[in-house]
C-alpha atoms as a PDB file:
ATOM      1  CA  MET A   1      22.361  -4.268  19.839  1.00  0.00           C
ATOM      2  CA  LEU A   2      21.951  -3.675  16.098  1.00  0.00           C
ATOM      3  CA  LEU A   3      22.910  -7.236  15.189  1.00  0.00           C
ATOM      4  CA  ARG A   4      20.799  -8.653  18.017  1.00  0.00           C
ATOM      5  CA  THR A   5      17.726  -6.829  16.711  1.00  0.00           C
ATOM      6  CA  PHE A   6      18.241  -7.114  12.958  1.00  0.00           C
ATOM      7  CA  GLY A   7      20.568 -10.117  12.728  1.00  0.00           C
ATOM      8  CA  TRP A   8      18.014 -12.401  11.074  1.00  0.00           C
ATOM      9  CA  SER A   9      16.956  -9.625   8.695  1.00  0.00           C
ATOM     10  CA  PHE A  10      20.547  -9.087   7.582  1.00  0.00           C
ATOM     11  CA  ALA A  11      21.054 -12.840   7.175  1.00  0.00           C
ATOM     12  CA  VAL A  12      17.923 -13.306   5.041  1.00  0.00           C
ATOM     13  CA  THR A  13      18.855 -10.272   2.918  1.00  0.00           C
ATOM     14  CA  ALA A  14      22.357 -11.670   2.345  1.00  0.00           C
ATOM     15  CA  LEU A  15      20.940 -15.089   1.398  1.00  0.00           C
ATOM     16  CA  GLY A  16      18.539 -13.439  -1.029  1.00  0.00           C
ATOM     17  CA  LEU A  17      21.353 -11.532  -2.718  1.00  0.00           C
ATOM     18  CA  VAL A  18      23.483 -14.672  -2.977  1.00  0.00           C
ATOM     19  CA  ALA A  19      20.513 -16.588  -4.423  1.00  0.00           C
ATOM     20  CA  ALA A  20      20.054 -13.805  -6.998  1.00  0.00           C
ATOM     21  CA  ILE A  21      23.670 -14.252  -8.142  1.00  0.00           C
ATOM     22  CA  PHE A  22      23.214 -18.003  -8.579  1.00  0.00           C
ATOM     23  CA  TYR A  23      19.894 -17.499 -10.381  1.00  0.00           C
ATOM     24  CA  GLY A  24      20.730 -14.670 -12.788  1.00  0.00           C
ATOM     25  CA  GLY A  25      24.308 -13.565 -12.233  1.00  0.00           C
ATOM     26  CA  TRP A  26      25.417 -10.066 -11.329  1.00  0.00           C
ATOM     27  CA  THR A  27      22.593  -8.498 -13.331  1.00  0.00           C
ATOM     28  CA  ALA A  28      20.014 -10.180 -11.109  1.00  0.00           C
ATOM     29  CA  PHE A  29      22.095  -9.225  -8.055  1.00  0.00           C
ATOM     30  CA  GLY A  30      21.947  -5.559  -9.092  1.00  0.00           C
ATOM     31  CA  ILE A  31      18.188  -5.665  -9.670  1.00  0.00           C
ATOM     32  CA  VAL A  32      17.509  -7.384  -6.332  1.00  0.00           C
ATOM     33  CA  ALA A  33      19.811  -4.951  -4.504  1.00  0.00           C
ATOM     34  CA  ILE A  34      18.060  -1.925  -6.038  1.00  0.00           C
ATOM     35  CA  LEU A  35      14.611  -3.361  -5.239  1.00  0.00           C
ATOM     36  CA  SER A  36      15.737  -4.076  -1.662  1.00  0.00           C
ATOM     37  CA  ILE A  37      16.892  -0.484  -1.178  1.00  0.00           C
ATOM     38  CA  MET A  38      13.633   0.816  -2.680  1.00  0.00           C
ATOM     39  CA  GLU A  39      11.521  -1.420  -0.439  1.00  0.00           C
ATOM     40  CA  ILE A  40      13.428  -0.372   2.693  1.00  0.00           C
ATOM     41  CA  SER A  41      13.218   3.343   1.847  1.00  0.00           C
ATOM     42  CA  LEU A  42       9.508   3.166   0.966  1.00  0.00           C
ATOM     43  CA  SER A  43       8.776   1.231   4.178  1.00  0.00           C
ATOM     44  CA  PHE A  44      10.259   3.784   6.589  1.00  0.00           C
ATOM     45  CA  ASP A  45       7.090   5.914   6.736  1.00  0.00           C
ATOM     46  CA  ASN A  46       5.018   2.765   7.172  1.00  0.00           C
ATOM     47  CA  ALA A  47       7.221   1.559  10.042  1.00  0.00           C
ATOM     48  CA  VAL A  48       7.010   4.904  11.880  1.00  0.00           C
ATOM     49  CA  VAL A  49       3.201   4.979  11.685  1.00  0.00           C
ATOM     50  CA  ASN A  50       2.914   1.294  12.664  1.00  0.00           C
ATOM     51  CA  ALA A  51       5.197   1.804  15.675  1.00  0.00           C
ATOM     52  CA  GLY A  52       3.056   4.686  16.909  1.00  0.00           C
ATOM     53  CA  ILE A  53      -0.033   2.468  16.874  1.00  0.00           C
ATOM     54  CA  LEU A  54       1.688  -0.692  18.096  1.00  0.00           C
ATOM     55  CA  LYS A  55       2.861   0.966  21.307  1.00  0.00           C
ATOM     56  CA  LYS A  56      -0.793   1.419  22.320  1.00  0.00           C
ATOM     57  CA  MET A  57      -1.483  -2.331  22.072  1.00  0.00           C
ATOM     58  CA  ASN A  58      -0.865  -4.894  24.777  1.00  0.00           C
ATOM     59  CA  ALA A  59       1.884  -7.505  24.410  1.00  0.00           C
ATOM     60  CA  PHE A  60      -0.500 -10.189  23.082  1.00  0.00           C
ATOM     61  CA  TRP A  61      -1.808  -8.107  20.171  1.00  0.00           C
ATOM     62  CA  GLN A  62       1.665  -6.778  19.424  1.00  0.00           C
ATOM     63  CA  LYS A  63       2.829 -10.372  18.956  1.00  0.00           C
ATOM     64  CA  ILE A  64      -0.222 -11.152  16.823  1.00  0.00           C
ATOM     65  CA  PHE A  65       0.538  -8.267  14.468  1.00  0.00           C
ATOM     66  CA  LEU A  66       4.282  -8.974  14.360  1.00  0.00           C
ATOM     67  CA  THR A  67       3.613 -12.618  13.417  1.00  0.00           C
ATOM     68  CA  ILE A  68       0.294 -13.132  11.605  1.00  0.00           C
ATOM     69  CA  GLY A  69      -0.043  -9.493  10.574  1.00  0.00           C
ATOM     70  CA  ILE A  70       3.464  -9.218   9.141  1.00  0.00           C
ATOM     71  CA  LEU A  71       3.017 -12.574   7.395  1.00  0.00           C
ATOM     72  CA  ILE A  72      -0.069 -11.199   5.632  1.00  0.00           C
ATOM     73  CA  ALA A  73       1.721  -7.946   4.806  1.00  0.00           C
ATOM     74  CA  VAL A  74       4.897  -9.573   3.470  1.00  0.00           C
ATOM     75  CA  PHE A  75       3.474 -12.529   1.570  1.00  0.00           C
ATOM     76  CA  GLY A  76       0.110 -11.011   0.744  1.00  0.00           C
ATOM     77  CA  MET A  77       1.067  -7.513  -0.417  1.00  0.00           C
ATOM     78  CA  ARG A  78       4.705  -7.975  -1.442  1.00  0.00           C
ATOM     79  CA  LEU A  79       4.504 -11.426  -3.065  1.00  0.00           C
ATOM     80  CA  VAL A  80       0.934 -12.365  -3.997  1.00  0.00           C
ATOM     81  CA  PHE A  81      -0.434  -8.927  -4.966  1.00  0.00           C
ATOM     82  CA  PRO A  82       2.213  -8.097  -7.625  1.00  0.00           C
ATOM     83  CA  VAL A  83       1.670 -11.517  -9.214  1.00  0.00           C
ATOM     84  CA  VAL A  84      -2.097 -10.939  -9.216  1.00  0.00           C
ATOM     85  CA  ILE A  85      -1.677  -7.523 -10.897  1.00  0.00           C
ATOM     86  CA  VAL A  86       0.515  -8.984 -13.655  1.00  0.00           C
ATOM     87  CA  ALA A  87      -1.706 -12.058 -14.044  1.00  0.00           C
ATOM     88  CA  ILE A  88      -4.884 -10.005 -14.470  1.00  0.00           C
ATOM     89  CA  SER A  89      -3.252  -7.428 -16.751  1.00  0.00           C
ATOM     90  CA  ALA A  90      -1.585 -10.043 -18.968  1.00  0.00           C
ATOM     91  CA  GLN A  91      -4.617 -12.379 -18.780  1.00  0.00           C
ATOM     92  CA  LEU A  92      -2.631 -15.222 -17.229  1.00  0.00           C
ATOM     93  CA  GLY A  93      -3.160 -17.560 -14.327  1.00  0.00           C
ATOM     94  CA  PRO A  94      -1.105 -16.681 -11.207  1.00  0.00           C
ATOM     95  CA  ILE A  95       0.895 -19.916 -11.398  1.00  0.00           C
ATOM     96  CA  GLU A  96       1.515 -19.403 -15.118  1.00  0.00           C
ATOM     97  CA  ALA A  97       2.702 -15.837 -14.474  1.00  0.00           C
ATOM     98  CA  VAL A  98       5.222 -17.010 -11.865  1.00  0.00           C
ATOM     99  CA  ASP A  99       6.370 -19.880 -14.088  1.00  0.00           C
ATOM    100  CA  LEU A 100       6.929 -17.538 -17.047  1.00  0.00           C
ATOM    101  CA  ALA A 101       8.840 -15.054 -14.886  1.00  0.00           C
ATOM    102  CA  LEU A 102      11.204 -17.805 -13.744  1.00  0.00           C
ATOM    103  CA  THR A 103      11.574 -19.887 -16.900  1.00  0.00           C
ATOM    104  CA  ASP A 104      10.810 -17.698 -19.938  1.00  0.00           C
ATOM    105  CA  LYS A 105      11.884 -14.138 -19.180  1.00  0.00           C
ATOM    106  CA  ASP A 106      11.607 -12.948 -22.796  1.00  0.00           C
ATOM    107  CA  ARG A 107       7.980 -14.045 -23.092  1.00  0.00           C
ATOM    108  CA  TYR A 108       7.226 -12.604 -19.650  1.00  0.00           C
ATOM    109  CA  GLN A 109       8.782  -9.273 -20.649  1.00  0.00           C
ATOM    110  CA  GLU A 110       6.697  -9.254 -23.825  1.00  0.00           C
ATOM    111  CA  LEU A 111       3.464  -9.860 -21.906  1.00  0.00           C
ATOM    112  CA  VAL A 112       4.258  -7.270 -19.237  1.00  0.00           C
ATOM    113  CA  THR A 113       5.201  -4.689 -21.898  1.00  0.00           C
ATOM    114  CA  ASP A 114       1.891  -5.282 -23.674  1.00  0.00           C
ATOM    115  CA  ALA A 115       0.034  -5.047 -20.345  1.00  0.00           C
ATOM    116  CA  HIS A 116       1.907  -1.898 -19.260  1.00  0.00           C
ATOM    117  CA  PRO A 117      -0.934   0.549 -20.134  1.00  0.00           C
ATOM    118  CA  SER A 118      -3.371  -1.189 -17.779  1.00  0.00           C
ATOM    119  CA  ILE A 119      -0.751  -1.640 -15.023  1.00  0.00           C
ATOM    120  CA  ALA A 120       0.295   2.016 -15.295  1.00  0.00           C
ATOM    121  CA  ALA A 121      -3.317   3.225 -15.336  1.00  0.00           C
ATOM    122  CA  PHE A 122      -4.265   1.173 -12.259  1.00  0.00           C
ATOM    123  CA  GLY A 123      -1.210   2.137 -10.237  1.00  0.00           C
ATOM    124  CA  GLY A 124      -1.132   5.688 -11.528  1.00  0.00           C
ATOM    125  CA  MET A 125      -4.708   6.410 -10.459  1.00  0.00           C
ATOM    126  CA  PHE A 126      -4.080   4.956  -7.004  1.00  0.00           C
ATOM    127  CA  LEU A 127      -0.917   7.023  -6.502  1.00  0.00           C
ATOM    128  CA  LEU A 128      -2.519  10.135  -8.014  1.00  0.00           C
ATOM    129  CA  MET A 129      -5.349   9.937  -5.480  1.00  0.00           C
ATOM    130  CA  ILE A 130      -2.811   9.663  -2.649  1.00  0.00           C
ATOM    131  CA  PHE A 131      -1.022  12.759  -3.983  1.00  0.00           C
ATOM    132  CA  LEU A 132      -4.195  14.804  -4.492  1.00  0.00           C
ATOM    133  CA  ASP A 133      -5.625  13.989  -1.063  1.00  0.00           C
ATOM    134  CA  PHE A 134      -2.240  14.904   0.447  1.00  0.00           C
ATOM    135  CA  ILE A 135      -1.919  18.328  -1.191  1.00  0.00           C
ATOM    136  CA  PHE A 136      -5.568  19.261  -0.523  1.00  0.00           C
ATOM    137  CA  GLU A 137      -5.423  18.282   3.174  1.00  0.00           C
ATOM    138  CA  ASP A 138      -5.760  21.101   5.715  1.00  0.00           C
ATOM    139  CA  ARG A 139      -2.872  20.800   8.198  1.00  0.00           C
ATOM    140  CA  ASP A 140      -2.232  22.531  11.507  1.00  0.00           C
ATOM    141  CA  ILE A 141       1.477  22.989  10.690  1.00  0.00           C
ATOM    142  CA  LYS A 142       2.191  24.545   7.295  1.00  0.00           C
ATOM    143  CA  TRP A 143       5.713  24.742   5.888  1.00  0.00           C
ATOM    144  CA  LEU A 144       4.750  26.528   2.669  1.00  0.00           C
ATOM    145  CA  ALA A 145       1.793  28.554   3.914  1.00  0.00           C
ATOM    146  CA  TRP A 146       1.514  30.629   0.711  1.00  0.00           C
ATOM    147  CA  LEU A 147       0.871  27.395  -1.205  1.00  0.00           C
ATOM    148  CA  GLU A 148      -0.793  25.132   1.372  1.00  0.00           C
ATOM    149  CA  ARG A 149      -3.521  27.579   2.453  1.00  0.00           C
ATOM    150  CA  PRO A 150      -5.099  28.026  -1.017  1.00  0.00           C
ATOM    151  CA  LEU A 151      -4.776  24.289  -1.690  1.00  0.00           C
ATOM    152  CA  ALA A 152      -6.519  23.530   1.613  1.00  0.00           C
ATOM    153  CA  LYS A 153      -9.356  25.869   0.639  1.00  0.00           C
ATOM    154  CA  LEU A 154      -9.697  24.099  -2.696  1.00  0.00           C
ATOM    155  CA  GLY A 155      -9.717  20.791  -0.836  1.00  0.00           C
ATOM    156  CA  LYS A 156     -12.984  21.764   0.870  1.00  0.00           C
ATOM    157  CA  VAL A 157     -14.745  21.257  -2.466  1.00  0.00           C
ATOM    158  CA  ASP A 158     -16.451  17.873  -2.194  1.00  0.00           C
ATOM    159  CA  MET A 159     -14.894  15.072  -4.302  1.00  0.00           C
ATOM    160  CA  LEU A 160     -12.403  17.478  -5.927  1.00  0.00           C
ATOM    161  CA  SER A 161      -9.621  14.867  -5.879  1.00  0.00           C
ATOM    162  CA  VAL A 162     -11.838  12.312  -7.620  1.00  0.00           C
ATOM    163  CA  CYS A 163     -12.905  14.812 -10.302  1.00  0.00           C
ATOM    164  CA  ILE A 164      -9.313  15.839 -11.059  1.00  0.00           C
ATOM    165  CA  ALA A 165      -8.157  12.211 -11.148  1.00  0.00           C
ATOM    166  CA  LEU A 166     -10.946  11.241 -13.562  1.00  0.00           C
ATOM    167  CA  ILE A 167     -10.120  14.185 -15.850  1.00  0.00           C
ATOM    168  CA  VAL A 168      -6.454  13.148 -15.884  1.00  0.00           C
ATOM    169  CA  LEU A 169      -7.490   9.547 -16.621  1.00  0.00           C
ATOM    170  CA  LEU A 170      -9.764  10.599 -19.493  1.00  0.00           C
ATOM    171  CA  VAL A 171      -7.079  12.791 -21.079  1.00  0.00           C
ATOM    172  CA  SER A 172      -4.472  10.033 -20.675  1.00  0.00           C
ATOM    173  CA  ALA A 173      -6.783   7.453 -22.232  1.00  0.00           C
ATOM    174  CA  ILE A 174      -7.588   9.468 -25.355  1.00  0.00           C
ATOM    175  CA  THR A 175      -3.970  10.569 -25.854  1.00  0.00           C
ATOM    176  CA  PHE A 176      -1.416   8.061 -24.566  1.00  0.00           C
ATOM    177  CA  GLY A 177      -3.870   5.147 -24.313  1.00  0.00           C
ATOM    178  CA  ALA A 178      -4.980   5.539 -27.923  1.00  0.00           C
ATOM    179  CA  HIS A 179      -1.382   5.013 -29.096  1.00  0.00           C
ATOM    180  CA  ALA A 180      -0.066   2.554 -26.513  1.00  0.00           C
ATOM    181  CA  HIS A 181       3.417   1.154 -27.146  1.00  0.00           C
ATOM    182  CA  GLN A 182       3.597  -2.622 -27.439  1.00  0.00           C
ATOM    183  CA  HIS A 183       6.379  -5.191 -27.582  1.00  0.00           C
ATOM    184  CA  GLY A 184       8.163  -4.982 -30.910  1.00  0.00           C
ATOM    185  CA  GLY A 185       7.511  -1.265 -31.401  1.00  0.00           C
ATOM    186  CA  ALA A 186       3.878  -1.441 -32.531  1.00  0.00           C
ATOM    187  CA  HIS A 187       1.252   1.027 -31.283  1.00  0.00           C
ATOM    188  CA  VAL A 188      -2.349  -0.004 -30.616  1.00  0.00           C
ATOM    189  CA  ASP A 189      -5.488   1.663 -29.297  1.00  0.00           C
ATOM    190  CA  LYS A 190      -5.909   0.724 -25.615  1.00  0.00           C
ATOM    191  CA  ALA A 191      -7.993   3.699 -24.528  1.00  0.00           C
ATOM    192  CA  GLU A 192     -10.789   1.471 -23.200  1.00  0.00           C
ATOM    193  CA  THR A 193      -8.314  -0.719 -21.291  1.00  0.00           C
ATOM    194  CA  VAL A 194      -6.689   2.346 -19.731  1.00  0.00           C
ATOM    195  CA  LEU A 195     -10.088   3.720 -18.669  1.00  0.00           C
ATOM    196  CA  LEU A 196     -11.197   0.445 -17.085  1.00  0.00           C
ATOM    197  CA  ALA A 197      -7.878  -0.109 -15.298  1.00  0.00           C
ATOM    198  CA  GLY A 198      -7.799   3.478 -14.060  1.00  0.00           C
ATOM    199  CA  ILE A 199     -11.332   3.268 -12.699  1.00  0.00           C
ATOM    200  CA  ALA A 200     -10.392  -0.002 -10.995  1.00  0.00           C
ATOM    201  CA  GLY A 201      -7.441   1.773  -9.355  1.00  0.00           C
ATOM    202  CA  LEU A 202      -9.724   4.587  -8.187  1.00  0.00           C
ATOM    203  CA  ILE A 203     -12.252   2.109  -6.754  1.00  0.00           C
ATOM    204  CA  THR A 204      -9.446   0.223  -4.988  1.00  0.00           C
ATOM    205  CA  TYR A 205      -8.201   3.448  -3.431  1.00  0.00           C
ATOM    206  CA  MET A 206     -11.682   4.385  -2.219  1.00  0.00           C
ATOM    207  CA  ILE A 207     -12.267   0.912  -0.750  1.00  0.00           C
ATOM    208  CA  VAL A 208      -8.930   0.944   1.094  1.00  0.00           C
ATOM    209  CA  GLY A 209      -9.543   4.499   2.279  1.00  0.00           C
ATOM    210  CA  GLY A 210     -13.071   3.656   3.381  1.00  0.00           C
ATOM    211  CA  LEU A 211     -11.963   0.608   5.364  1.00  0.00           C
ATOM    212  CA  SER A 212      -9.128   2.572   6.938  1.00  0.00           C
ATOM    213  CA  GLY A 213     -11.482   5.367   7.956  1.00  0.00           C
ATOM    214  CA  TYR A 214     -14.048   2.889   9.329  1.00  0.00           C
ATOM    215  CA  PHE A 215     -11.545   1.051  11.510  1.00  0.00           C
ATOM    216  CA  GLU A 216      -9.994   4.334  12.635  1.00  0.00           C
ATOM    217  CA  ASP A 217     -13.422   5.608  13.743  1.00  0.00           C
ATOM    218  CA  LYS A 218     -14.126   2.325  15.538  1.00  0.00           C
ATOM    219  CA  LEU A 219     -10.758   2.547  17.245  1.00  0.00           C
ATOM    220  CA  GLU A 220     -11.461   6.087  18.451  1.00  0.00           C
ATOM    221  CA  GLU A 221     -14.889   4.989  19.743  1.00  0.00           C
ATOM    222  CA  GLU A 222     -13.345   2.092  21.688  1.00  0.00           C
ATOM    223  CA  GLU A 223     -10.610   4.300  23.150  1.00  0.00           C
ATOM    224  CA  GLU A 224     -13.184   6.920  24.170  1.00  0.00           C
ATOM    225  CA  ARG A 225     -15.415   4.273  25.745  1.00  0.00           C
ATOM    226  CA  GLU A 226     -12.446   2.801  27.597  1.00  0.00           C
ATOM    227  CA  HIS A 227     -11.492   6.243  28.860  1.00  0.00           C
ATOM    228  CA  GLU A 228     -15.059   6.820  30.125  1.00  0.00           C
ATOM    229  CA  GLU A 229     -14.954   3.424  31.830  1.00  0.00           C
ATOM    230  CA  GLU A 230     -11.708   4.369  33.568  1.00  0.00           C
ATOM    231  CA  GLU A 231     -13.213   7.647  34.814  1.00  0.00           C
ATOM    232  CA  ARG A 232     -16.362   5.858  36.042  1.00  0.00           C
ATOM    233  CA  ALA A 233     -14.252   3.254  37.831  1.00  0.00           C
ATOM    234  CA  ALA A 234     -12.152   5.968  39.441  1.00  0.00           C
ATOM    235  CA  ARG A 235     -15.269   7.721  40.762  1.00  0.00           C
ATOM    236  CA  THR A 236     -16.939   4.590  42.125  1.00  0.00           C
ATOM    237  CA  GLY A 237     -13.781   2.823  43.256  1.00  0.00           C
ATOM    238  CA  LYS A 238     -14.741  -0.332  41.328  1.00  0.00           C
ATOM    239  CA  PRO A 239     -12.362  -2.096  38.900  1.00  0.00           C
ATOM    240  CA  LYS A 240     -13.357  -1.806  35.259  1.00  0.00           C
ATOM    241  CA  SER A 241     -13.511  -4.680  32.770  1.00  0.00           C
ATOM    242  CA  ALA A 242     -10.129  -3.798  31.253  1.00  0.00           C
ATOM    243  CA  VAL A 243      -9.519  -7.074  29.452  1.00  0.00           C
ATOM    244  CA  ALA A 244     -12.665  -6.988  27.313  1.00  0.00           C
ATOM    245  CA  LEU A 245     -12.326  -3.333  26.391  1.00  0.00           C
ATOM    246  CA  ALA A 246      -8.608  -3.510  25.726  1.00  0.00           C
ATOM    247  CA  GLY A 247      -9.095  -6.665  23.693  1.00  0.00           C
ATOM    248  CA  LYS A 248     -11.818  -5.134  21.537  1.00  0.00           C
ATOM    249  CA  ALA A 249      -9.910  -1.901  21.059  1.00  0.00           C
ATOM    250  CA  ALA A 250      -6.735  -3.832  20.243  1.00  0.00           C
ATOM    251  CA  PHE A 251      -8.658  -5.946  17.719  1.00  0.00           C
ATOM    252  CA  PHE A 252      -9.749  -2.808  15.860  1.00  0.00           C
ATOM    253  CA  MET A 253      -6.166  -1.550  16.096  1.00  0.00           C
ATOM    254  CA  PHE A 254      -5.011  -4.788  14.477  1.00  0.00           C
ATOM    255  CA  LEU A 255      -7.515  -4.487  11.609  1.00  0.00           C
ATOM    256  CA  TYR A 256      -6.669  -0.812  11.187  1.00  0.00           C
ATOM    257  CA  LEU A 257      -2.954  -1.634  11.030  1.00  0.00           C
ATOM    258  CA  GLU A 258      -3.534  -4.303   8.386  1.00  0.00           C
ATOM    259  CA  VAL A 259      -5.507  -1.939   6.141  1.00  0.00           C
ATOM    260  CA  LEU A 260      -3.024   0.874   6.792  1.00  0.00           C
ATOM    261  CA  ASP A 261      -0.081  -1.369   5.944  1.00  0.00           C
ATOM    262  CA  ALA A 262      -1.797  -2.475   2.737  1.00  0.00           C
ATOM    263  CA  SER A 263      -2.384   1.142   1.674  1.00  0.00           C
ATOM    264  CA  PHE A 264       1.244   2.042   2.398  1.00  0.00           C
ATOM    265  CA  SER A 265       2.422  -0.989   0.417  1.00  0.00           C
ATOM    266  CA  PHE A 266       0.622  -0.105  -2.818  1.00  0.00           C
ATOM    267  CA  ASP A 267       3.198   2.474  -3.932  1.00  0.00           C
ATOM    268  CA  GLY A 268       6.095   0.071  -3.407  1.00  0.00           C
ATOM    269  CA  VAL A 269       4.307  -2.786  -5.149  1.00  0.00           C
ATOM    270  CA  ILE A 270       3.437  -0.702  -8.212  1.00  0.00           C
END
């Protein structure tokens, strides 16, 4: 059963590891193996959430997400997005960034090291916002009540997470950013770069969160409307228009899953 379900996944993973050996020897094999384990471990939470939503969709939309949706998630977030981050940070074209990574690793390492302050600021702000929103969330089940209750009360302060994140960004920019390490051991002032990249990370988080919330609200509206239609049909004895409602609700589910998958993928990509 395990091989029948994951046979192709195991085969592609094995081919990737073999290709890494041919490309860069055992060092490359070790790096690819570590990244594979990290990606699998970081994707478990994503898979559990996706499965809970997927089971509500009909077979057609499940296939759409598992083909087109996964294609977007794998090639868009895992392949294209990291290249875009490096390209923007190092001021390179996407094709040039890929070419350097494959043909001139020393130059690529130099550029990425120099661009590290902006990459770290962008990713750090995004992940910091995830952390702050998590600890300030008011939950029904509390494992550490003595800690979670006061944090939940603090979380009721409007935009508290954003304020804390901006303070951390400002302090980081005027301390670490002002003496950023560069390739060769030099230190330069990149406070402005850190500020801009951090604000970009914050804006990205708010856009992703806003889209996720919008599609989630739409999904709840469609499910509520479908439920009302079912009750009305049960009272009158008339069949309801299940296809249209299910299709529209499933469409919002699909969009919600795509945004949700993208938000889950940010931590692994960074």
